[in-house]
């Protein structure tokens, strides 16, 4: 009787691709922490945007705090090697929902392309960092 052992293969991007990914992750992490998350947590969102969100029924302060904290946590997660894949998945979902909110709820479709592009970038980062996602999944399902 022969047994076949399951082998796990880890996927590591090439040296240049890894540097590009880290540069992009650092840039996007700083953007989401400093330019996107902190203004929401510190009540520095422009009144025009808050008025559109209040009209859509989603402009409550707790919602803005929640989204800001999620953006800050995602930005920090992008900087941690073991969390970079799951953080990219979370930020991809968050930016996709932001684009949908701009398109369908707040009646500001001109703001939708930027989060859609970010969602695609985060999906690519998550794909390239899928080994960290698989590692985290195996730790959770032990």
N, C-alpha and C. Protein backbone atom coordinates (compact mmCIF):
# COMPACT_ATOMS: atom_id res chain seq x y z
N UNK A 1 0.84 -1.16 0.00
CA UNK A 1 0.00 0.00 0.00
C UNK A 1 0.90 1.23 0.00
N UNK A 2 0.60 2.15 -0.87
CA UNK A 2 1.38 3.38 -0.93
C UNK A 2 0.57 4.53 -0.35
N UNK A 3 1.26 5.39 0.28
CA UNK A 3 0.59 6.60 0.81
C UNK A 3 1.14 7.81 0.09
N UNK A 4 0.28 8.71 -0.14
CA UNK A 4 0.66 9.95 -0.82
C UNK A 4 0.50 11.07 0.20
N UNK A 5 1.60 11.71 0.47
CA UNK A 5 1.56 12.81 1.42
C UNK A 5 1.16 14.09 0.70
N UNK A 6 0.30 14.84 1.33
CA UNK A 6 -0.12 16.11 0.77
C UNK A 6 1.00 17.12 0.97
N UNK A 7 1.36 17.77 -0.07
CA UNK A 7 2.40 18.78 0.04
C UNK A 7 1.76 20.16 -0.05
N UNK A 8 2.28 21.03 0.72
CA UNK A 8 1.80 22.40 0.65
C UNK A 8 2.84 23.23 -0.06
N UNK A 9 2.39 24.01 -0.97
CA UNK A 9 3.31 24.88 -1.68
C UNK A 9 3.01 26.31 -1.28
N UNK A 10 4.06 27.01 -0.99
CA UNK A 10 3.89 28.42 -0.67
C UNK A 10 4.19 29.23 -1.90
N UNK A 11 3.46 30.28 -2.06
CA UNK A 11 3.61 31.13 -3.23
C UNK A 11 4.29 32.41 -2.78
N UNK A 12 5.43 32.68 -3.36
CA UNK A 12 6.16 33.91 -3.06
C UNK A 12 6.38 34.66 -4.36
N UNK A 13 6.00 35.92 -4.39
CA UNK A 13 6.25 36.68 -5.60
C UNK A 13 7.75 36.91 -5.79
N UNK A 14 8.15 37.23 -7.00
CA UNK A 14 9.56 37.49 -7.28
C UNK A 14 10.08 38.70 -6.52
N UNK A 15 11.37 38.90 -6.56
CA UNK A 15 12.02 39.95 -5.79
C UNK A 15 11.51 41.34 -6.18
N UNK A 16 11.44 41.62 -7.46
CA UNK A 16 10.98 42.94 -7.92
C UNK A 16 9.50 43.12 -7.59
N UNK A 17 8.70 42.09 -7.86
CA UNK A 17 7.27 42.17 -7.57
C UNK A 17 7.03 42.35 -6.08
N UNK A 18 7.82 41.69 -5.25
CA UNK A 18 7.68 41.82 -3.81
C UNK A 18 7.97 43.26 -3.37
N UNK A 19 9.00 43.87 -3.95
CA UNK A 19 9.32 45.27 -3.62
C UNK A 19 8.22 46.22 -4.07
N UNK A 20 7.68 45.97 -5.26
CA UNK A 20 6.58 46.80 -5.75
C UNK A 20 5.37 46.65 -4.83
N UNK A 21 5.08 45.42 -4.44
CA UNK A 21 3.95 45.20 -3.53
C UNK A 21 4.14 45.92 -2.21
N UNK A 22 5.33 45.80 -1.62
CA UNK A 22 5.58 46.47 -0.34
C UNK A 22 5.51 47.98 -0.47
N UNK A 23 6.04 48.51 -1.55
CA UNK A 23 5.94 49.96 -1.78
C UNK A 23 4.50 50.41 -1.89
N UNK A 24 3.71 49.66 -2.65
CA UNK A 24 2.29 49.97 -2.81
C UNK A 24 1.55 49.80 -1.49
N UNK A 25 1.86 48.76 -0.75
CA UNK A 25 1.20 48.53 0.53
C UNK A 25 1.51 49.65 1.52
N UNK A 26 2.77 50.09 1.56
CA UNK A 26 3.13 51.17 2.48
C UNK A 26 2.42 52.47 2.09
N UNK A 27 2.41 52.78 0.81
CA UNK A 27 1.73 53.98 0.34
C UNK A 27 0.24 53.94 0.67
N UNK A 28 -0.42 52.82 0.34
CA UNK A 28 -1.85 52.71 0.60
C UNK A 28 -2.17 52.67 2.10
N UNK A 29 -1.28 52.04 2.87
CA UNK A 29 -1.49 52.02 4.33
C UNK A 29 -1.44 53.43 4.89
N UNK A 30 -0.46 54.21 4.48
CA UNK A 30 -0.37 55.60 4.96
C UNK A 30 -1.58 56.41 4.51
N UNK A 31 -2.03 56.17 3.27
CA UNK A 31 -3.21 56.87 2.78
C UNK A 31 -4.44 56.52 3.63
N UNK A 32 -4.66 55.23 3.88
CA UNK A 32 -5.85 54.84 4.61
C UNK A 32 -5.78 55.22 6.08
N UNK A 33 -4.59 55.24 6.66
CA UNK A 33 -4.48 55.63 8.06
C UNK A 33 -4.61 57.14 8.20
N UNK A 34 -3.81 57.90 7.45
CA UNK A 34 -3.72 59.34 7.66
C UNK A 34 -4.77 60.15 6.90
N UNK A 35 -5.05 59.79 5.67
CA UNK A 35 -5.92 60.63 4.85
C UNK A 35 -7.37 60.17 4.82
N UNK A 36 -7.63 58.92 5.15
CA UNK A 36 -8.99 58.42 5.06
C UNK A 36 -9.59 58.05 6.41
N UNK A 37 -8.86 57.28 7.22
CA UNK A 37 -9.41 56.82 8.49
C UNK A 37 -9.42 57.87 9.58
N UNK A 38 -8.29 58.55 9.77
CA UNK A 38 -8.21 59.56 10.83
C UNK A 38 -9.23 60.69 10.69
N UNK A 39 -9.45 61.24 9.49
CA UNK A 39 -10.48 62.29 9.39
C UNK A 39 -11.88 61.80 9.79
N UNK A 40 -12.18 60.55 9.54
CA UNK A 40 -13.48 60.03 9.94
C UNK A 40 -13.57 59.87 11.45
N UNK A 41 -12.50 59.42 12.06
CA UNK A 41 -12.50 59.23 13.51
C UNK A 41 -12.47 60.57 14.24
N UNK A 42 -11.80 61.56 13.65
CA UNK A 42 -11.66 62.88 14.30
C UNK A 42 -12.71 63.89 13.83
N UNK A 43 -13.78 63.43 13.18
CA UNK A 43 -14.88 64.30 12.69
C UNK A 43 -14.39 65.41 11.78
N UNK A 44 -13.55 65.07 10.83
CA UNK A 44 -13.03 66.06 9.90
C UNK A 44 -13.51 65.81 8.47
N UNK A 45 -14.63 65.12 8.31
CA UNK A 45 -15.19 64.82 6.99
C UNK A 45 -15.87 66.08 6.47
N UNK A 46 -15.67 66.44 5.19
CA UNK A 46 -16.32 67.64 4.65
C UNK A 46 -17.84 67.58 4.80
N UNK A 47 -18.43 68.73 5.10
CA UNK A 47 -19.87 68.81 5.36
C UNK A 47 -20.69 68.40 4.13
N UNK A 48 -20.18 68.68 2.95
CA UNK A 48 -20.89 68.28 1.72
C UNK A 48 -21.07 66.76 1.66
N UNK A 49 -20.02 66.02 2.01
CA UNK A 49 -20.10 64.56 2.01
C UNK A 49 -21.03 64.06 3.11
N UNK A 50 -20.95 64.68 4.29
CA UNK A 50 -21.81 64.26 5.40
C UNK A 50 -23.28 64.53 5.08
N UNK A 51 -23.57 65.65 4.42
CA UNK A 51 -24.95 65.97 4.05
C UNK A 51 -25.50 64.94 3.07
N UNK A 52 -24.69 64.54 2.10
CA UNK A 52 -25.14 63.52 1.13
C UNK A 52 -25.37 62.19 1.83
N UNK A 53 -24.52 61.87 2.80
CA UNK A 53 -24.69 60.60 3.51
C UNK A 53 -25.90 60.66 4.45
N UNK A 54 -26.16 61.81 5.06
CA UNK A 54 -27.35 61.93 5.92
C UNK A 54 -28.62 61.78 5.10
N UNK A 55 -28.63 62.35 3.89
CA UNK A 55 -29.80 62.20 3.01
C UNK A 55 -30.03 60.75 2.63
N UNK A 56 -28.96 59.98 2.52
CA UNK A 56 -29.07 58.57 2.18
C UNK A 56 -29.40 57.72 3.40
N UNK A 57 -29.35 58.32 4.59
CA UNK A 57 -29.68 57.58 5.80
C UNK A 57 -28.52 56.86 6.43
N UNK A 58 -27.29 57.17 6.00
CA UNK A 58 -26.13 56.48 6.56
C UNK A 58 -25.10 57.45 7.12
N UNK A 59 -25.51 58.65 7.46
CA UNK A 59 -24.57 59.66 7.91
C UNK A 59 -24.45 59.79 9.41
N UNK A 60 -24.78 58.74 10.14
CA UNK A 60 -24.68 58.85 11.60
C UNK A 60 -23.21 58.81 12.03
N UNK A 61 -22.90 59.49 13.14
CA UNK A 61 -21.49 59.53 13.58
C UNK A 61 -20.91 58.16 13.88
N UNK A 62 -21.68 57.25 14.47
CA UNK A 62 -21.13 55.94 14.80
C UNK A 62 -20.71 55.20 13.55
N UNK A 63 -21.43 55.38 12.44
CA UNK A 63 -21.08 54.71 11.19
C UNK A 63 -19.75 55.25 10.67
N UNK A 64 -19.56 56.56 10.74
CA UNK A 64 -18.30 57.15 10.29
C UNK A 64 -17.13 56.69 11.16
N UNK A 65 -17.36 56.60 12.49
CA UNK A 65 -16.31 56.10 13.38
C UNK A 65 -15.96 54.66 13.03
N UNK A 66 -16.99 53.84 12.78
CA UNK A 66 -16.77 52.43 12.46
C UNK A 66 -15.96 52.29 11.17
N UNK A 67 -16.34 53.00 10.13
CA UNK A 67 -15.63 52.93 8.85
C UNK A 67 -14.20 53.44 9.02
N UNK A 68 -14.02 54.53 9.76
CA UNK A 68 -12.68 55.06 10.00
C UNK A 68 -11.80 54.08 10.74
N UNK A 69 -12.35 53.42 11.76
CA UNK A 69 -11.57 52.42 12.50
C UNK A 69 -11.23 51.24 11.61
N UNK A 70 -12.17 50.81 10.76
CA UNK A 70 -11.88 49.72 9.82
C UNK A 70 -10.78 50.11 8.85
N UNK A 71 -10.78 51.35 8.37
CA UNK A 71 -9.74 51.80 7.45
C UNK A 71 -8.38 51.87 8.14
N UNK A 72 -8.36 52.36 9.37
CA UNK A 72 -7.09 52.43 10.11
C UNK A 72 -6.57 51.02 10.39
N UNK A 73 -7.46 50.12 10.81
CA UNK A 73 -7.04 48.74 11.07
C UNK A 73 -6.54 48.07 9.80
N UNK A 74 -7.22 48.30 8.68
CA UNK A 74 -6.76 47.74 7.41
C UNK A 74 -5.42 48.29 6.99
N UNK A 75 -5.21 49.59 7.20
CA UNK A 75 -3.93 50.20 6.88
C UNK A 75 -2.80 49.63 7.72
N UNK A 76 -3.06 49.44 9.01
CA UNK A 76 -2.05 48.83 9.87
C UNK A 76 -1.80 47.38 9.45
N UNK A 77 -2.87 46.66 9.11
CA UNK A 77 -2.73 45.28 8.67
C UNK A 77 -1.90 45.15 7.40
N UNK A 78 -1.98 46.14 6.51
CA UNK A 78 -1.16 46.09 5.29
C UNK A 78 0.33 46.16 5.61
N UNK A 79 0.68 46.74 6.75
CA UNK A 79 2.09 46.89 7.11
C UNK A 79 2.66 45.68 7.83
N UNK A 80 1.78 44.77 8.27
CA UNK A 80 2.22 43.57 8.99
C UNK A 80 2.26 42.42 7.99
N UNK A 81 3.41 41.78 7.85
CA UNK A 81 3.59 40.76 6.82
C UNK A 81 2.55 39.64 6.90
N UNK A 82 2.29 39.16 8.09
CA UNK A 82 1.36 38.03 8.23
C UNK A 82 -0.10 38.43 8.07
N UNK A 83 -0.38 39.71 8.15
CA UNK A 83 -1.76 40.18 8.02
C UNK A 83 -2.02 40.91 6.70
N UNK A 84 -1.01 41.03 5.86
CA UNK A 84 -1.16 41.84 4.65
C UNK A 84 -2.21 41.28 3.69
N UNK A 85 -2.29 39.98 3.54
CA UNK A 85 -3.30 39.38 2.66
C UNK A 85 -4.72 39.57 3.18
N UNK A 86 -4.98 39.17 4.45
CA UNK A 86 -6.33 39.39 4.98
C UNK A 86 -6.72 40.87 5.04
N UNK A 87 -5.76 41.75 5.33
CA UNK A 87 -6.07 43.18 5.35
C UNK A 87 -6.44 43.67 3.95
N UNK A 88 -5.75 43.16 2.95
CA UNK A 88 -6.06 43.55 1.57
C UNK A 88 -7.45 43.06 1.17
N UNK A 89 -7.83 41.87 1.62
CA UNK A 89 -9.19 41.36 1.34
C UNK A 89 -10.22 42.27 2.00
N UNK A 90 -9.99 42.61 3.26
CA UNK A 90 -10.93 43.48 3.97
C UNK A 90 -11.04 44.85 3.33
N UNK A 91 -9.91 45.43 2.95
CA UNK A 91 -9.95 46.74 2.32
C UNK A 91 -10.55 46.69 0.92
N UNK A 92 -10.37 45.57 0.23
CA UNK A 92 -11.00 45.41 -1.07
C UNK A 92 -12.53 45.42 -0.94
N UNK A 93 -13.02 44.70 0.05
CA UNK A 93 -14.47 44.67 0.29
C UNK A 93 -14.96 46.05 0.73
N UNK A 94 -14.21 46.70 1.61
CA UNK A 94 -14.60 48.02 2.11
C UNK A 94 -14.67 49.04 0.98
N UNK A 95 -13.68 49.05 0.09
CA UNK A 95 -13.69 50.01 -1.00
C UNK A 95 -14.74 49.68 -2.05
N UNK A 96 -15.03 48.40 -2.24
CA UNK A 96 -16.11 48.02 -3.15
C UNK A 96 -17.45 48.51 -2.61
N UNK A 97 -17.65 48.37 -1.30
CA UNK A 97 -18.88 48.87 -0.69
C UNK A 97 -18.94 50.40 -0.72
N UNK A 98 -17.79 51.06 -0.61
CA UNK A 98 -17.76 52.52 -0.72
C UNK A 98 -18.18 52.96 -2.12
N UNK A 99 -17.71 52.25 -3.14
CA UNK A 99 -18.10 52.58 -4.51
C UNK A 99 -19.60 52.36 -4.70
N UNK A 100 -20.12 51.27 -4.18
CA UNK A 100 -21.55 51.01 -4.29
C UNK A 100 -22.36 52.07 -3.55
N UNK A 101 -21.87 52.51 -2.40
CA UNK A 101 -22.56 53.57 -1.65
C UNK A 101 -22.58 54.86 -2.46
N UNK A 102 -21.46 55.20 -3.07
CA UNK A 102 -21.42 56.42 -3.89
C UNK A 102 -22.31 56.32 -5.11
N UNK A 103 -22.41 55.14 -5.69
CA UNK A 103 -23.23 54.98 -6.89
C UNK A 103 -24.72 54.97 -6.59
N UNK A 104 -25.11 54.22 -5.57
CA UNK A 104 -26.53 53.94 -5.39
C UNK A 104 -27.20 54.68 -4.24
N UNK A 105 -26.48 55.04 -3.21
CA UNK A 105 -27.12 55.63 -2.05
C UNK A 105 -26.93 57.14 -1.94
N UNK A 106 -25.74 57.62 -2.15
CA UNK A 106 -25.48 59.05 -1.93
C UNK A 106 -25.64 59.89 -3.19
N UNK A 107 -25.92 59.28 -4.30
CA UNK A 107 -26.12 59.98 -5.56
C UNK A 107 -24.90 60.84 -5.91
N UNK A 108 -23.71 60.27 -5.69
CA UNK A 108 -22.46 60.92 -6.07
C UNK A 108 -21.64 59.95 -6.93
N UNK A 109 -22.12 59.65 -8.15
CA UNK A 109 -21.41 58.66 -8.97
C UNK A 109 -20.02 59.09 -9.41
N UNK A 110 -19.73 60.37 -9.36
CA UNK A 110 -18.39 60.82 -9.75
C UNK A 110 -17.33 60.36 -8.76
N UNK A 111 -17.73 60.02 -7.54
CA UNK A 111 -16.79 59.54 -6.52
C UNK A 111 -16.57 58.03 -6.58
N UNK A 112 -17.29 57.31 -7.41
CA UNK A 112 -17.23 55.85 -7.43
C UNK A 112 -15.99 55.26 -8.10
N UNK A 113 -15.43 55.83 -9.14
CA UNK A 113 -14.29 55.17 -9.81
C UNK A 113 -13.06 54.98 -8.91
N UNK A 114 -12.75 55.95 -8.07
CA UNK A 114 -11.55 55.83 -7.23
C UNK A 114 -11.63 54.62 -6.30
N UNK A 115 -12.73 54.42 -5.55
CA UNK A 115 -12.77 53.21 -4.72
C UNK A 115 -12.81 51.92 -5.54
N UNK A 116 -13.37 51.96 -6.74
CA UNK A 116 -13.37 50.76 -7.58
C UNK A 116 -11.95 50.39 -7.99
N UNK A 117 -11.15 51.38 -8.35
CA UNK A 117 -9.75 51.11 -8.71
C UNK A 117 -9.00 50.58 -7.49
N UNK A 118 -9.24 51.21 -6.33
CA UNK A 118 -8.59 50.73 -5.11
C UNK A 118 -8.99 49.30 -4.79
N UNK A 119 -10.25 48.96 -5.01
CA UNK A 119 -10.71 47.60 -4.76
C UNK A 119 -9.96 46.60 -5.63
N UNK A 120 -9.75 46.95 -6.88
CA UNK A 120 -8.97 46.08 -7.78
C UNK A 120 -7.53 45.95 -7.33
N UNK A 121 -6.93 47.04 -6.89
CA UNK A 121 -5.54 46.99 -6.41
C UNK A 121 -5.45 46.12 -5.17
N UNK A 122 -6.40 46.28 -4.25
CA UNK A 122 -6.38 45.45 -3.04
C UNK A 122 -6.63 43.98 -3.35
N UNK A 123 -7.47 43.70 -4.35
CA UNK A 123 -7.69 42.31 -4.75
C UNK A 123 -6.39 41.72 -5.31
N UNK A 124 -5.63 42.50 -6.07
CA UNK A 124 -4.34 42.02 -6.59
C UNK A 124 -3.36 41.78 -5.45
N UNK A 125 -3.30 42.70 -4.48
CA UNK A 125 -2.42 42.51 -3.32
C UNK A 125 -2.82 41.25 -2.56
N UNK A 126 -4.12 41.04 -2.37
CA UNK A 126 -4.59 39.85 -1.67
C UNK A 126 -4.20 38.58 -2.43
N UNK A 127 -4.30 38.63 -3.75
CA UNK A 127 -3.92 37.47 -4.56
C UNK A 127 -2.42 37.18 -4.41
N UNK A 128 -1.61 38.21 -4.46
CA UNK A 128 -0.17 38.02 -4.34
C UNK A 128 0.24 37.62 -2.92
N UNK A 129 -0.52 38.01 -1.94
CA UNK A 129 -0.23 37.68 -0.53
C UNK A 129 -1.11 36.54 -0.03
N UNK A 130 -1.57 35.69 -0.93
CA UNK A 130 -2.48 34.62 -0.56
C UNK A 130 -1.87 33.61 0.41
N UNK A 131 -0.54 33.51 0.45
CA UNK A 131 0.06 32.60 1.41
C UNK A 131 -0.22 33.05 2.85
N UNK A 132 -0.30 34.37 3.09
CA UNK A 132 -0.63 34.84 4.43
C UNK A 132 -2.09 34.56 4.77
N UNK A 133 -2.94 34.58 3.76
CA UNK A 133 -4.36 34.24 3.98
C UNK A 133 -4.49 32.77 4.34
N UNK A 134 -3.78 31.91 3.61
CA UNK A 134 -3.84 30.47 3.88
C UNK A 134 -3.23 30.13 5.23
N UNK A 135 -2.16 30.82 5.60
CA UNK A 135 -1.55 30.59 6.92
C UNK A 135 -2.50 30.99 8.03
N UNK A 136 -3.14 32.14 7.89
CA UNK A 136 -4.10 32.57 8.92
C UNK A 136 -5.29 31.62 8.99
N UNK A 137 -5.75 31.15 7.83
CA UNK A 137 -6.85 30.19 7.82
C UNK A 137 -6.49 28.90 8.53
N UNK A 138 -5.26 28.41 8.31
CA UNK A 138 -4.84 27.17 8.97
C UNK A 138 -4.69 27.37 10.47
N UNK A 139 -4.28 28.57 10.90
CA UNK A 139 -4.19 28.85 12.34
C UNK A 139 -5.56 28.89 12.99
N UNK A 140 -6.53 29.43 12.27
CA UNK A 140 -7.88 29.55 12.82
C UNK A 140 -8.57 28.19 12.89
N UNK A 141 -8.36 27.35 11.89
CA UNK A 141 -9.07 26.07 11.82
C UNK A 141 -8.38 24.92 12.51
N UNK A 142 -7.38 25.19 13.31
CA UNK A 142 -6.70 24.11 14.03
C UNK A 142 -7.59 23.47 15.04
